[in-house]
Amino acid sequence: LSSIFSLAQVFPPSVEAKLVSNADLVEPGDTFNLGVVFAIEP
């Protein structure tokens, strides 16, 4: 893993990560979901 770490920049990304939430606005005292969606290459 260490030996390929420097190679990560030369390979096209196999995974994309982005944030998603279930709320546009949240009231103080309330609870909402926040997560990371991973899109993984075939």
Full PDB file with SEQRES, HELIX, SHEET, SSBOND, CRYST1, ORIGX, SCALE, CONECT and MASTER records, all heavy atoms in Angstrom:
SEQRES   1 A   42  LEU SER SER ILE PHE SER LEU ALA GLN VAL PHE PRO PRO          
SEQRES   2 A   42  SER VAL GLU ALA LYS LEU VAL SER ASN ALA ASP LEU VAL          
SEQRES   3 A   42  GLU PRO GLY ASP THR PHE ASN LEU GLY VAL VAL PHE ALA          
SEQRES   4 A   42  ILE GLU PRO                                                  
HELIX    1 AA1 SER A    2  PHE A    5  1                                   4    
HELIX    2 AA2 SER A    6  GLN A    9  5                                   4    
SHEET    1 AA1 2 VAL A  15  SER A  21  0                                        
SHEET    2 AA1 2 LEU A  34  ILE A  40 -1                                        
CRYST1    1.000    1.000    1.000  90.00  90.00  90.00 P 1           1          
ORIGX1      1.000000  0.000000  0.000000        0.00000                         
ORIGX2      0.000000  1.000000  0.000000        0.00000                         
ORIGX3      0.000000  0.000000  1.000000        0.00000                         
SCALE1      1.000000  0.000000  0.000000        0.00000                         
SCALE2      0.000000  1.000000  0.000000        0.00000                         
SCALE3      0.000000  0.000000  1.000000        0.00000                         
ATOM      1  N   LEU A   1       0.822  -1.199   0.000  1.00  0.00           N  
ATOM      2  CA  LEU A   1       0.000   0.000   0.000  1.00  0.00           C  
ATOM      3  C   LEU A   1       0.856   1.248   0.000  1.00  0.00           C  
ATOM      4  O   LEU A   1       0.594   2.213  -0.723  1.00  0.00           O  
ATOM      5  CB  LEU A   1      -0.919  -0.019   1.226  1.00  0.00           C  
ATOM      6  CG  LEU A   1      -1.972   1.076   1.328  1.00  0.00           C  
ATOM      7  CD1 LEU A   1      -2.935   0.980   0.155  1.00  0.00           C  
ATOM      8  CD2 LEU A   1      -2.723   0.966   2.644  1.00  0.00           C  
ATOM      9  N   SER A   2       1.911   1.211   0.797  1.00  0.00           N  
ATOM     10  CA  SER A   2       2.817   2.354   0.855  1.00  0.00           C  
ATOM     11  C   SER A   2       3.491   2.591  -0.488  1.00  0.00           C  
ATOM     12  O   SER A   2       3.654   3.730  -0.933  1.00  0.00           O  
ATOM     13  CB  SER A   2       3.875   2.117   1.948  1.00  0.00           C  
ATOM     14  OG  SER A   2       4.820   3.153   1.942  1.00  0.00           O  
ATOM     15  N   SER A   3       3.857   1.497  -1.148  1.00  0.00           N  
ATOM     16  CA  SER A   3       4.585   1.628  -2.410  1.00  0.00           C  
ATOM     17  C   SER A   3       3.716   2.176  -3.533  1.00  0.00           C  
ATOM     18  O   SER A   3       4.217   2.800  -4.455  1.00  0.00           O  
ATOM     19  CB  SER A   3       5.157   0.263  -2.833  1.00  0.00           C  
ATOM     20  OG  SER A   3       4.118  -0.638  -3.129  1.00  0.00           O  
ATOM     21  N   ILE A   4       2.385   1.946  -3.431  1.00  0.00           N  
ATOM     22  CA  ILE A   4       1.513   2.438  -4.490  1.00  0.00           C  
ATOM     23  C   ILE A   4       0.883   3.770  -4.148  1.00  0.00           C  
ATOM     24  O   ILE A   4       0.204   4.356  -4.996  1.00  0.00           O  
ATOM     25  CB  ILE A   4       0.393   1.426  -4.811  1.00  0.00           C  
ATOM     26  CG1 ILE A   4      -0.552   1.298  -3.608  1.00  0.00           C  
ATOM     27  CG2 ILE A   4       0.951   0.092  -5.225  1.00  0.00           C  
ATOM     28  CD1 ILE A   4      -1.773   0.465  -3.911  1.00  0.00           C  
ATOM     29  N   PHE A   5       1.123   4.253  -2.923  1.00  0.00           N  
ATOM     30  CA  PHE A   5       0.474   5.497  -2.517  1.00  0.00           C  
ATOM     31  C   PHE A   5       0.824   6.633  -3.475  1.00  0.00           C  
ATOM     32  O   PHE A   5      -0.025   7.430  -3.864  1.00  0.00           O  
ATOM     33  CB  PHE A   5       0.885   5.854  -1.085  1.00  0.00           C  
ATOM     34  CG  PHE A   5       0.052   6.939  -0.493  1.00  0.00           C  
ATOM     35  CD1 PHE A   5      -1.192   6.635   0.034  1.00  0.00           C  
ATOM     36  CD2 PHE A   5       0.484   8.248  -0.459  1.00  0.00           C  
ATOM     37  CE1 PHE A   5      -1.988   7.622   0.585  1.00  0.00           C  
ATOM     38  CE2 PHE A   5      -0.299   9.246   0.082  1.00  0.00           C  
ATOM     39  CZ  PHE A   5      -1.538   8.924   0.613  1.00  0.00           C  
ATOM     40  N   SER A   6       2.082   6.679  -3.896  1.00  0.00           N  
ATOM     41  CA  SER A   6       2.498   7.743  -4.801  1.00  0.00           C  
ATOM     42  C   SER A   6       1.920   7.556  -6.198  1.00  0.00           C  
ATOM     43  O   SER A   6       1.881   8.490  -6.994  1.00  0.00           O  
ATOM     44  CB  SER A   6       4.028   7.799  -4.889  1.00  0.00           C  
ATOM     45  OG  SER A   6       4.525   6.569  -5.375  1.00  0.00           O  
ATOM     46  N   LEU A   7       1.457   6.327  -6.502  1.00  0.00           N  
ATOM     47  CA  LEU A   7       0.886   6.073  -7.810  1.00  0.00           C  
ATOM     48  C   LEU A   7      -0.562   6.519  -7.913  1.00  0.00           C  
ATOM     49  O   LEU A   7      -1.126   6.555  -9.007  1.00  0.00           O  
ATOM     50  CB  LEU A   7       0.959   4.567  -8.133  1.00  0.00           C  
ATOM     51  CG  LEU A   7       2.355   3.948  -8.204  1.00  0.00           C  
ATOM     52  CD1 LEU A   7       2.234   2.464  -8.505  1.00  0.00           C  
ATOM     53  CD2 LEU A   7       3.208   4.641  -9.262  1.00  0.00           C  
ATOM     54  N   ALA A   8      -1.173   6.852  -6.741  1.00  0.00           N  
ATOM     55  CA  ALA A   8      -2.590   7.202  -6.739  1.00  0.00           C  
ATOM     56  C   ALA A   8      -2.869   8.393  -7.635  1.00  0.00           C  
ATOM     57  O   ALA A   8      -3.966   8.525  -8.192  1.00  0.00           O  
ATOM     58  CB  ALA A   8      -3.049   7.496  -5.313  1.00  0.00           C  
ATOM     59  N   GLN A   9      -1.883   9.274  -7.819  1.00  0.00           N  
ATOM     60  CA  GLN A   9      -2.099  10.470  -8.612  1.00  0.00           C  
ATOM     61  C   GLN A   9      -2.072  10.192 -10.117  1.00  0.00           C  
ATOM     62  O   GLN A   9      -2.599  10.980 -10.898  1.00  0.00           O  
ATOM     63  CB  GLN A   9      -1.018  11.505  -8.262  1.00  0.00           C  
ATOM     64  CG  GLN A   9      -0.976  11.884  -6.789  1.00  0.00           C  
ATOM     65  CD  GLN A   9      -2.287  12.461  -6.308  1.00  0.00           C  
ATOM     66  OE1 GLN A   9      -2.935  13.206  -7.035  1.00  0.00           O  
ATOM     67  NE2 GLN A   9      -2.691  12.120  -5.101  1.00  0.00           N  
ATOM     68  N   VAL A  10      -1.461   9.080 -10.525  1.00  0.00           N  
ATOM     69  CA  VAL A  10      -1.339   8.822 -11.955  1.00  0.00           C  
ATOM     70  C   VAL A  10      -2.443   7.912 -12.476  1.00  0.00           C  
ATOM     71  O   VAL A  10      -2.614   7.783 -13.680  1.00  0.00           O  
ATOM     72  CB  VAL A  10       0.045   8.211 -12.293  1.00  0.00           C  
ATOM     73  CG1 VAL A  10       1.151   9.161 -11.880  1.00  0.00           C  
ATOM     74  CG2 VAL A  10       0.227   6.848 -11.640  1.00  0.00           C  
ATOM     75  N   PHE A  11      -3.198   7.267 -11.581  1.00  0.00           N  
ATOM     76  CA  PHE A  11      -4.304   6.436 -12.001  1.00  0.00           C  
ATOM     77  C   PHE A  11      -5.588   7.263 -11.996  1.00  0.00           C  
ATOM     78  O   PHE A  11      -5.807   8.072 -11.098  1.00  0.00           O  
ATOM     79  CB  PHE A  11      -4.471   5.235 -11.051  1.00  0.00           C  
ATOM     80  CG  PHE A  11      -3.515   4.117 -11.343  1.00  0.00           C  
ATOM     81  CD1 PHE A  11      -2.286   4.053 -10.691  1.00  0.00           C  
ATOM     82  CD2 PHE A  11      -3.841   3.133 -12.256  1.00  0.00           C  
ATOM     83  CE1 PHE A  11      -1.399   3.024 -10.956  1.00  0.00           C  
ATOM     84  CE2 PHE A  11      -2.949   2.104 -12.523  1.00  0.00           C  
ATOM     85  CZ  PHE A  11      -1.739   2.043 -11.878  1.00  0.00           C  
ATOM     86  N   PRO A  12      -6.467   7.080 -12.970  1.00  0.00           N  
ATOM     87  CA  PRO A  12      -7.769   7.747 -12.921  1.00  0.00           C  
ATOM     88  C   PRO A  12      -8.496   7.331 -11.642  1.00  0.00           C  
ATOM     89  O   PRO A  12      -8.387   6.183 -11.212  1.00  0.00           O  
ATOM     90  CB  PRO A  12      -8.483   7.200 -14.170  1.00  0.00           C  
ATOM     91  CG  PRO A  12      -7.397   6.716 -15.060  1.00  0.00           C  
ATOM     92  CD  PRO A  12      -6.301   6.241 -14.157  1.00  0.00           C  
ATOM     93  N   PRO A  13      -9.209   8.239 -11.006  1.00  0.00           N  
ATOM     94  CA  PRO A  13      -9.877   7.893  -9.744  1.00  0.00           C  
ATOM     95  C   PRO A  13     -10.887   6.778  -9.936  1.00  0.00           C  
ATOM     96  O   PRO A  13     -11.715   6.822 -10.864  1.00  0.00           O  
ATOM     97  CB  PRO A  13     -10.553   9.198  -9.330  1.00  0.00           C  
ATOM     98  CG  PRO A  13     -10.668   9.996 -10.586  1.00  0.00           C  
ATOM     99  CD  PRO A  13      -9.490   9.619 -11.415  1.00  0.00           C  
ATOM    100  N   SER A  14     -10.811   5.745  -9.106  1.00  0.00           N  
ATOM    101  CA  SER A  14     -11.749   4.626  -9.168  1.00  0.00           C  
ATOM    102  C   SER A  14     -12.946   4.851  -8.257  1.00  0.00           C  
ATOM    103  O   SER A  14     -13.934   4.114  -8.337  1.00  0.00           O  
ATOM    104  CB  SER A  14     -11.035   3.330  -8.766  1.00  0.00           C  
ATOM    105  OG  SER A  14     -10.442   3.467  -7.487  1.00  0.00           O  
ATOM    106  N   VAL A  15     -12.857   5.865  -7.384  1.00  0.00           N  
ATOM    107  CA  VAL A  15     -13.927   6.155  -6.433  1.00  0.00           C  
ATOM    108  C   VAL A  15     -14.135   7.659  -6.363  1.00  0.00           C  
ATOM    109  O   VAL A  15     -13.168   8.425  -6.285  1.00  0.00           O  
ATOM    110  CB  VAL A  15     -13.577   5.618  -5.019  1.00  0.00           C  
ATOM    111  CG1 VAL A  15     -14.657   6.006  -4.023  1.00  0.00           C  
ATOM    112  CG2 VAL A  15     -13.400   4.108  -5.041  1.00  0.00           C  
ATOM    113  N   GLU A  16     -15.383   8.075  -6.392  1.00  0.00           N  
ATOM    114  CA  GLU A  16     -15.746   9.465  -6.144  1.00  0.00           C  
ATOM    115  C   GLU A  16     -16.592   9.518  -4.875  1.00  0.00           C  
ATOM    116  O   GLU A  16     -17.457   8.662  -4.668  1.00  0.00           O  
ATOM    117  CB  GLU A  16     -16.525  10.054  -7.318  1.00  0.00           C  
ATOM    118  CG  GLU A  16     -15.710  10.223  -8.589  1.00  0.00           C  
ATOM    119  CD  GLU A  16     -14.658  11.317  -8.480  1.00  0.00           C  
ATOM    120  OE1 GLU A  16     -14.780  12.160  -7.574  1.00  0.00           O  
ATOM    121  OE2 GLU A  16     -13.713  11.322  -9.300  1.00  0.00           O  
ATOM    122  N   ALA A  17     -16.347  10.523  -4.038  1.00  0.00           N  
ATOM    123  CA  ALA A  17     -17.082  10.661  -2.780  1.00  0.00           C  
ATOM    124  C   ALA A  17     -17.700  12.047  -2.707  1.00  0.00           C  
ATOM    125  O   ALA A  17     -17.026  13.047  -2.982  1.00  0.00           O  
ATOM    126  CB  ALA A  17     -16.143  10.437  -1.592  1.00  0.00           C  
ATOM    127  N   LYS A  18     -18.977  12.108  -2.322  1.00  0.00           N  
ATOM    128  CA  LYS A  18     -19.637  13.397  -2.158  1.00  0.00           C  
ATOM    129  C   LYS A  18     -20.620  13.325  -0.991  1.00  0.00           C  
ATOM    130  O   LYS A  18     -21.086  12.243  -0.600  1.00  0.00           O  
ATOM    131  CB  LYS A  18     -20.358  13.820  -3.435  1.00  0.00           C  
ATOM    132  CG  LYS A  18     -21.557  12.968  -3.795  1.00  0.00           C  
ATOM    133  CD  LYS A  18     -22.271  13.533  -5.022  1.00  0.00           C  
ATOM    134  CE  LYS A  18     -23.543  12.732  -5.345  1.00  0.00           C  
ATOM    135  NZ  LYS A  18     -24.255  13.295  -6.504  1.00  0.00           N  
ATOM    136  N   LEU A  19     -20.946  14.500  -0.421  1.00  0.00           N  
ATOM    137  CA  LEU A  19     -21.854  14.582   0.712  1.00  0.00           C  
ATOM    138  C   LEU A  19     -23.304  14.620   0.250  1.00  0.00           C  
ATOM    139  O   LEU A  19     -23.632  15.185  -0.789  1.00  0.00           O  
ATOM    140  CB  LEU A  19     -21.573  15.837   1.538  1.00  0.00           C  
ATOM    141  CG  LEU A  19     -20.323  15.837   2.415  1.00  0.00           C  
ATOM    142  CD1 LEU A  19     -20.163  17.197   3.093  1.00  0.00           C  
ATOM    143  CD2 LEU A  19     -20.381  14.728   3.465  1.00  0.00           C  
ATOM    144  N   VAL A  20     -24.176  14.001   1.052  1.00  0.00           N  
ATOM    145  CA  VAL A  20     -25.618  14.112   0.845  1.00  0.00           C  
ATOM    146  C   VAL A  20     -26.289  14.304   2.207  1.00  0.00           C  
ATOM    147  O   VAL A  20     -25.816  13.812   3.229  1.00  0.00           O  
ATOM    148  CB  VAL A  20     -26.214  12.864   0.159  1.00  0.00           C  
ATOM    149  CG1 VAL A  20     -25.792  12.782  -1.291  1.00  0.00           C  
ATOM    150  CG2 VAL A  20     -25.837  11.592   0.901  1.00  0.00           C  
ATOM    151  N   SER A  21     -27.385  15.062   2.214  1.00  0.00           N  
ATOM    152  CA  SER A  21     -28.163  15.300   3.423  1.00  0.00           C  
ATOM    153  C   SER A  21     -29.637  15.111   3.096  1.00  0.00           C  
ATOM    154  O   SER A  21     -30.037  15.165   1.928  1.00  0.00           O  
ATOM    155  CB  SER A  21     -27.912  16.719   3.948  1.00  0.00           C  
ATOM    156  OG  SER A  21     -28.797  17.025   5.015  1.00  0.00           O  
ATOM    157  N   ASN A  22     -30.445  14.899   4.122  1.00  0.00           N  
ATOM    158  CA  ASN A  22     -31.881  14.750   3.899  1.00  0.00           C  
ATOM    159  C   ASN A  22     -32.662  16.009   4.282  1.00  0.00           C  
ATOM    160  O   ASN A  22     -33.876  15.967   4.449  1.00  0.00           O  
ATOM    161  CB  ASN A  22     -32.432  13.556   4.681  1.00  0.00           C  
ATOM    162  CG  ASN A  22     -32.428  13.778   6.179  1.00  0.00           C  
ATOM    163  OD1 ASN A  22     -31.660  14.591   6.705  1.00  0.00           O  
ATOM    164  ND2 ASN A  22     -33.284  13.059   6.893  1.00  0.00           N  
ATOM    165  N   ALA A  23     -31.962  17.136   4.440  1.00  0.00           N  
ATOM    166  CA  ALA A  23     -32.654  18.358   4.846  1.00  0.00           C  
ATOM    167  C   ALA A  23     -32.000  19.581   4.210  1.00  0.00           C  
ATOM    168  O   ALA A  23     -30.781  19.678   4.146  1.00  0.00           O  
ATOM    169  CB  ALA A  23     -32.671  18.492   6.362  1.00  0.00           C  
ATOM    170  N   ASP A  24     -32.836  20.510   3.761  1.00  0.00           N  
ATOM    171  CA  ASP A  24     -32.342  21.803   3.288  1.00  0.00           C  
ATOM    172  C   ASP A  24     -32.169  22.771   4.449  1.00  0.00           C  
ATOM    173  O   ASP A  24     -31.232  23.565   4.477  1.00  0.00           O  
ATOM    174  CB  ASP A  24     -33.315  22.405   2.269  1.00  0.00           C  
ATOM    175  CG  ASP A  24     -33.285  21.669   0.935  1.00  0.00           C  
ATOM    176  OD1 ASP A  24     -32.239  21.081   0.610  1.00  0.00           O  
ATOM    177  OD2 ASP A  24     -34.302  21.681   0.233  1.00  0.00           O  
ATOM    178  N   LEU A  25     -33.101  22.718   5.398  1.00  0.00           N  
ATOM    179  CA  LEU A  25     -33.051  23.516   6.621  1.00  0.00           C  
ATOM    180  C   LEU A  25     -33.324  22.608   7.807  1.00  0.00           C  
ATOM    181  O   LEU A  25     -34.100  21.649   7.703  1.00  0.00           O  
ATOM    182  CB  LEU A  25     -34.104  24.629   6.601  1.00  0.00           C  
ATOM    183  CG  LEU A  25     -33.909  25.813   5.651  1.00  0.00           C  
ATOM    184  CD1 LEU A  25     -35.124  26.741   5.737  1.00  0.00           C  
ATOM    185  CD2 LEU A  25     -32.643  26.580   5.984  1.00  0.00           C  
ATOM    186  N   VAL A  26     -32.676  22.907   8.938  1.00  0.00           N  
ATOM    187  CA  VAL A  26     -32.883  22.110  10.144  1.00  0.00           C  
ATOM    188  C   VAL A  26     -33.217  23.050  11.299  1.00  0.00           C  
ATOM    189  O   VAL A  26     -32.528  24.046  11.530  1.00  0.00           O  
ATOM    190  CB  VAL A  26     -31.634  21.270  10.490  1.00  0.00           C  
ATOM    191  CG1 VAL A  26     -31.884  20.450  11.752  1.00  0.00           C  
ATOM    192  CG2 VAL A  26     -31.257  20.353   9.334  1.00  0.00           C  
ATOM    193  N   GLU A  27     -34.267  22.710  12.020  1.00  0.00           N  
ATOM    194  CA  GLU A  27     -34.670  23.497  13.182  1.00  0.00           C  
ATOM    195  C   GLU A  27     -33.783  23.159  14.370  1.00  0.00           C  
ATOM    196  O   GLU A  27     -33.449  21.968  14.585  1.00  0.00           O  
ATOM    197  CB  GLU A  27     -36.128  23.189  13.522  1.00  0.00           C  
ATOM    198  CG  GLU A  27     -36.679  23.956  14.708  1.00  0.00           C  
ATOM    199  CD  GLU A  27     -38.101  23.568  15.035  1.00  0.00           C  
ATOM    200  OE1 GLU A  27     -38.682  22.733  14.315  1.00  0.00           O  
ATOM    201  OE2 GLU A  27     -38.643  24.111  16.021  1.00  0.00           O  
ATOM    202  N   PRO A  28     -33.337  24.130  15.160  1.00  0.00           N  
ATOM    203  CA  PRO A  28     -32.566  23.829  16.375  1.00  0.00           C  
ATOM    204  C   PRO A  28     -33.301  22.817  17.253  1.00  0.00           C  
ATOM    205  O   PRO A  28     -34.516  22.914  17.448  1.00  0.00           O  
ATOM    206  CB  PRO A  28     -32.461  25.194  17.059  1.00  0.00           C  
ATOM    207  CG  PRO A  28     -32.498  26.171  15.932  1.00  0.00           C  
ATOM    208  CD  PRO A  28     -33.470  25.590  14.941  1.00  0.00           C  
ATOM    209  N   GLY A  29     -32.557  21.821  17.716  1.00  0.00           N  
ATOM    210  CA  GLY A  29     -33.139  20.744  18.498  1.00  0.00           C  
ATOM    211  C   GLY A  29     -33.557  19.540  17.678  1.00  0.00           C  
ATOM    212  O   GLY A  29     -33.895  18.494  18.233  1.00  0.00           O  
ATOM    213  N   ASP A  30     -33.513  19.652  16.359  1.00  0.00           N  
ATOM    214  CA  ASP A  30     -33.932  18.563  15.483  1.00  0.00           C  
ATOM    215  C   ASP A  30     -32.716  17.740  15.045  1.00  0.00           C  
ATOM    216  O   ASP A  30     -31.560  18.111  15.283  1.00  0.00           O  
ATOM    217  CB  ASP A  30     -34.662  19.112  14.262  1.00  0.00           C  
ATOM    218  CG  ASP A  30     -35.726  18.146  13.749  1.00  0.00           C  
ATOM    219  OD1 ASP A  30     -35.671  16.962  14.123  1.00  0.00           O  
ATOM    220  OD2 ASP A  30     -36.589  18.577  12.968  1.00  0.00           O  
ATOM    221  N   THR A  31     -33.003  16.632  14.376  1.00  0.00           N  
ATOM    222  CA  THR A  31     -31.969  15.703  13.908  1.00  0.00           C  
ATOM    223  C   THR A  31     -32.068  15.558  12.393  1.00  0.00           C  
ATOM    224  O   THR A  31     -33.165  15.555  11.829  1.00  0.00           O  
ATOM    225  CB  THR A  31     -32.139  14.327  14.577  1.00  0.00           C  
ATOM    226  OG1 THR A  31     -32.026  14.473  15.997  1.00  0.00           O  
ATOM    227  CG2 THR A  31     -31.067  13.359  14.108  1.00  0.00           C  
ATOM    228  N   PHE A  32     -30.925  15.445  11.731  1.00  0.00           N  
ATOM    229  CA  PHE A  32     -30.918  15.226  10.290  1.00  0.00           C  
ATOM    230  C   PHE A  32     -29.855  14.194   9.938  1.00  0.00           C  
ATOM    231  O   PHE A  32     -28.997  13.842  10.757  1.00  0.00           O  
ATOM    232  CB  PHE A  32     -30.669  16.538   9.531  1.00  0.00           C  
ATOM    233  CG  PHE A  32     -29.265  17.083   9.664  1.00  0.00           C  
ATOM    234  CD1 PHE A  32     -28.350  16.933   8.634  1.00  0.00           C  
ATOM    235  CD2 PHE A  32     -28.859  17.740  10.815  1.00  0.00           C  
ATOM    236  CE1 PHE A  32     -27.065  17.425   8.742  1.00  0.00           C  
ATOM    237  CE2 PHE A  32     -27.570  18.242  10.938  1.00  0.00           C  
ATOM    238  CZ  PHE A  32     -26.670  18.083   9.903  1.00  0.00           C  
ATOM    239  N   ASN A  33     -29.900  13.702   8.720  1.00  0.00           N  
ATOM    240  CA  ASN A  33     -28.928  12.724   8.230  1.00  0.00           C  
ATOM    241  C   ASN A  33     -27.884  13.411   7.360  1.00  0.00           C  
ATOM    242  O   ASN A  33     -28.222  14.250   6.521  1.00  0.00           O  
ATOM    243  CB  ASN A  33     -29.609  11.638   7.397  1.00  0.00           C  
ATOM    244  CG  ASN A  33     -30.507  10.741   8.221  1.00  0.00           C  
ATOM    245  OD1 ASN A  33     -30.291  10.576   9.412  1.00  0.00           O  
ATOM    246  ND2 ASN A  33     -31.515  10.167   7.580  1.00  0.00           N  
ATOM    247  N   LEU A  34     -26.639  13.043   7.570  1.00  0.00           N  
ATOM    248  CA  LEU A  34     -25.553  13.513   6.724  1.00  0.00           C  
ATOM    249  C   LEU A  34     -24.671  12.315   6.399  1.00  0.00           C  
ATOM    250  O   LEU A  34     -24.284  11.557   7.305  1.00  0.00           O  
ATOM    251  CB  LEU A  34     -24.731  14.595   7.419  1.00  0.00           C  
ATOM    252  CG  LEU A  34     -23.609  15.239   6.588  1.00  0.00           C  
ATOM    253  CD1 LEU A  34     -24.180  15.983   5.390  1.00  0.00           C  
ATOM    254  CD2 LEU A  34     -22.780  16.191   7.451  1.00  0.00           C  
ATOM    255  N   GLY A  35     -24.380  12.128   5.114  1.00  0.00           N  
ATOM    256  CA  GLY A  35     -23.610  10.958   4.738  1.00  0.00           C  
ATOM    257  C   GLY A  35     -22.733  11.200   3.530  1.00  0.00           C  
ATOM    258  O   GLY A  35     -22.750  12.261   2.906  1.00  0.00           O  
ATOM    259  N   VAL A  36     -21.948  10.174   3.217  1.00  0.00           N  
ATOM    260  CA  VAL A  36     -21.045  10.204   2.076  1.00  0.00           C  
ATOM    261  C   VAL A  36     -21.461   9.114   1.099  1.00  0.00           C  
ATOM    262  O   VAL A  36     -21.568   7.943   1.464  1.00  0.00           O  
ATOM    263  CB  VAL A  36     -19.584   9.984   2.514  1.00  0.00           C  
ATOM    264  CG1 VAL A  36     -18.656  10.006   1.295  1.00  0.00           C  
ATOM    265  CG2 VAL A  36     -19.154  11.034   3.531  1.00  0.00           C  
ATOM    266  N   VAL A  37     -21.712   9.534  -0.143  1.00  0.00           N  
ATOM    267  CA  VAL A  37     -21.998   8.590  -1.220  1.00  0.00           C  
ATOM    268  C   VAL A  37     -20.696   8.293  -1.963  1.00  0.00           C  
ATOM    269  O   VAL A  37     -19.990   9.210  -2.390  1.00  0.00           O  
ATOM    270  CB  VAL A  37     -23.029   9.161  -2.210  1.00  0.00           C  
ATOM    271  CG1 VAL A  37     -23.174   8.239  -3.414  1.00  0.00           C  
ATOM    272  CG2 VAL A  37     -24.373   9.318  -1.528  1.00  0.00           C  
ATOM    273  N   PHE A  38     -20.383   7.008  -2.097  1.00  0.00           N  
ATOM    274  CA  PHE A  38     -19.224   6.563  -2.855  1.00  0.00           C  
ATOM    275  C   PHE A  38     -19.710   5.978  -4.187  1.00  0.00           C  
ATOM    276  O   PHE A  38     -20.520   5.041  -4.203  1.00  0.00           O  
ATOM    277  CB  PHE A  38     -18.457   5.485  -2.100  1.00  0.00           C  
ATOM    278  CG  PHE A  38     -17.886   5.938  -0.785  1.00  0.00           C  
ATOM    279  CD1 PHE A  38     -18.650   5.877   0.381  1.00  0.00           C  
ATOM    280  CD2 PHE A  38     -16.592   6.425  -0.692  1.00  0.00           C  
ATOM    281  CE1 PHE A  38     -18.135   6.286   1.600  1.00  0.00           C  
ATOM    282  CE2 PHE A  38     -16.066   6.838   0.524  1.00  0.00           C  
ATOM    283  CZ  PHE A  38     -16.844   6.769   1.668  1.00  0.00           C  
ATOM    284  N   ALA A  39     -19.251   6.540  -5.287  1.00  0.00           N  
ATOM    285  CA  ALA A  39     -19.501   5.980  -6.615  1.00  0.00           C  
ATOM    286  C   ALA A  39     -18.243   5.217  -7.029  1.00  0.00           C  
ATOM    287  O   ALA A  39     -17.153   5.803  -7.133  1.00  0.00           O  
ATOM    288  CB  ALA A  39     -19.823   7.080  -7.610  1.00  0.00           C  
ATOM    289  N   ILE A  40     -18.367   3.907  -7.235  1.00  0.00           N  
ATOM    290  CA  ILE A  40     -17.217   3.019  -7.412  1.00  0.00           C  
ATOM    291  C   ILE A  40     -17.203   2.500  -8.853  1.00  0.00           C  
ATOM    292  O   ILE A  40     -18.206   1.978  -9.352  1.00  0.00           O  
ATOM    293  CB  ILE A  40     -17.296   1.842  -6.421  1.00  0.00           C  
ATOM    294  CG1 ILE A  40     -17.467   2.371  -4.981  1.00  0.00           C  
ATOM    295  CG2 ILE A  40     -16.059   0.958  -6.523  1.00  0.00           C  
ATOM    296  CD1 ILE A  40     -17.881   1.308  -3.987  1.00  0.00           C  
ATOM    297  N   GLU A  41     -16.072   2.644  -9.511  1.00  0.00           N  
ATOM    298  CA  GLU A  41     -15.939   2.197 -10.894  1.00  0.00           C  
ATOM    299  C   GLU A  41     -16.125   0.681 -10.998  1.00  0.00           C  
ATOM    300  O   GLU A  41     -15.767  -0.071 -10.084  1.00  0.00           O  
ATOM    301  CB  GLU A  41     -14.563   2.574 -11.443  1.00  0.00           C  
ATOM    302  CG  GLU A  41     -14.392   4.053 -11.754  1.00  0.00           C  
ATOM    303  CD  GLU A  41     -15.249   4.487 -12.931  1.00  0.00           C  
ATOM    304  OE1 GLU A  41     -15.275   3.763 -13.949  1.00  0.00           O  
ATOM    305  OE2 GLU A  41     -15.908   5.536 -12.814  1.00  0.00           O  
ATOM    306  N   PRO A  42     -16.699   0.192 -12.110  1.00  0.00           N  
ATOM    307  CA  PRO A  42     -16.890  -1.256 -12.299  1.00  0.00           C  
ATOM    308  C   PRO A  42     -15.593  -2.028 -12.117  1.00  0.00           C  
ATOM    309  O   PRO A  42     -14.534  -1.633 -12.610  1.00  0.00           O  
ATOM    310  CB  PRO A  42     -17.402  -1.358 -13.743  1.00  0.00           C  
ATOM    311  CG  PRO A  42     -18.054  -0.031 -14.007  1.00  0.00           C  
ATOM    312  CD  PRO A  42     -17.225   0.976 -13.258  1.00  0.00           C  
TER     313      PRO A  42                                                      
MASTER        0    0    0    2    2    0    0    6  312    1    0    4          
END                                                                             
